[in-house]
Amino acid sequence: MVTSTTSSEWNIDTNKLIVYYYHTACYYHKTVKFELTSFYHERVIDIGIDQMNCRCVLVLYSSLVNVYYNTENFEKVIVFFVKNPLKSF
C-alpha cells in the first residue's frame, strides 16, 4: 500500500494551512519561543514555494531572518538573508 500526502489527495486548502501556520508562528514569536516560530515560518515558506505563492515567500524570508537573529542563530540568518529573493530587486 502506497501512502501519499499530497494536498490534492487529502483535499487540504493550502491557503488556510498557510494562514494557520503563519498565525501560529506569530503566537510563538510573542511568547518568545523562537524555535517553534522558525519551524512554522519555514513550513509557510515550504508551502508557498510549492504553490508558487511568491508574495507569501517574500514576506516571510525577512521575518525568518529576524527570528533567527533573535535566537542568535547567525548561521541561519546568513543562509536566509542570502536566499531572500527581495535582495535581487
Protein backbone atom coordinates (compact mmCIF):
# COMPACT_ATOMS: atom_id res chain seq x y z
CA MET A 1 0.00 0.00 0.00
CA VAL A 2 1.41 3.35 -1.03
CA THR A 3 0.64 6.34 1.15
CA SER A 4 0.97 9.81 -0.30
CA THR A 5 0.50 13.14 1.42
CA THR A 6 -0.14 15.45 -1.50
CA SER A 7 -2.68 18.17 -0.80
CA SER A 8 -4.94 17.09 -3.66
CA GLU A 9 -5.35 13.59 -2.22
CA TRP A 10 -6.02 14.89 1.27
CA ASN A 11 -8.17 17.74 -0.04
CA ILE A 12 -6.29 20.32 2.02
CA ASP A 13 -6.87 24.03 1.44
CA THR A 14 -3.25 25.19 1.39
CA ASN A 15 -4.23 28.85 1.75
CA LYS A 16 -5.93 28.08 5.06
CA LEU A 17 -2.95 25.99 6.11
CA ILE A 18 -0.59 28.89 5.34
CA VAL A 19 -2.75 31.25 7.41
CA TYR A 20 -2.84 28.77 10.30
CA TYR A 21 0.93 28.25 10.24
CA TYR A 22 1.55 32.00 9.99
CA HIS A 23 -0.69 32.85 12.95
CA THR A 24 0.82 30.01 14.97
CA ALA A 25 4.29 31.40 14.22
CA CYS A 26 3.17 34.87 15.32
CA TYR A 27 1.80 33.43 18.57
CA TYR A 28 5.05 31.63 19.35
CA HIS A 29 7.02 34.76 18.46
CA LYS A 30 5.04 36.74 21.05
CA THR A 31 5.70 34.04 23.66
CA VAL A 32 9.43 34.19 22.83
CA LYS A 33 9.55 30.57 21.66
CA PHE A 34 11.72 31.29 18.65
CA GLU A 35 12.49 27.67 17.76
CA LEU A 36 8.79 26.99 17.23
CA THR A 37 8.38 30.33 15.47
CA SER A 38 11.08 29.44 12.96
CA PHE A 39 9.59 25.96 12.47
CA TYR A 40 6.19 27.37 11.49
CA HIS A 41 7.68 30.13 9.33
CA GLU A 42 9.70 27.52 7.44
CA ARG A 43 6.53 25.47 6.87
CA VAL A 44 4.80 28.52 5.40
CA ILE A 45 7.78 29.13 3.10
CA ASP A 46 7.78 25.48 2.00
CA ILE A 47 4.07 25.61 1.15
CA GLY A 48 4.49 29.00 -0.54
CA ILE A 49 7.27 27.64 -2.73
CA ASP A 50 5.24 24.51 -3.56
CA GLN A 51 2.22 26.63 -4.51
CA MET A 52 4.33 29.28 -6.29
CA ASN A 53 2.97 31.93 -3.91
CA CYS A 54 5.80 34.46 -4.28
CA ARG A 55 4.20 37.16 -2.15
CA CYS A 56 3.96 34.80 0.81
CA VAL A 57 7.58 33.70 0.44
CA LEU A 58 8.95 37.23 0.05
CA VAL A 59 7.31 38.47 3.24
CA LEU A 60 8.40 35.52 5.35
CA TYR A 61 12.07 35.44 4.40
CA SER A 62 12.71 38.72 6.20
CA SER A 63 10.58 37.63 9.14
CA LEU A 64 12.51 34.37 9.44
CA VAL A 65 15.82 36.24 9.38
CA ASN A 66 14.55 38.31 12.31
CA VAL A 67 13.55 35.17 14.24
CA TYR A 68 16.93 33.55 13.75
CA TYR A 69 18.64 36.79 14.73
CA ASN A 70 16.67 36.78 18.00
CA THR A 71 17.79 33.22 18.72
CA GLU A 72 21.38 34.18 17.89
CA ASN A 73 21.47 31.51 15.20
CA PHE A 74 23.60 33.68 12.94
CA GLU A 75 24.49 30.84 10.61
CA LYS A 76 20.82 30.54 9.59
CA VAL A 77 20.48 34.34 9.45
CA ILE A 78 23.15 34.39 6.76
CA VAL A 79 21.59 31.46 4.88
CA PHE A 80 18.12 33.02 4.75
CA PHE A 81 19.46 36.50 4.06
CA VAL A 82 21.37 35.16 1.06
CA LYS A 83 18.34 33.13 -0.14
CA ASN A 84 15.96 36.09 0.18
CA PRO A 85 14.56 36.90 -3.26
CA LEU A 86 13.96 40.55 -2.27
CA LYS A 87 17.67 41.33 -2.38
CA SER A 88 17.62 40.97 -6.16
CA PHE A 89 15.27 43.98 -6.57
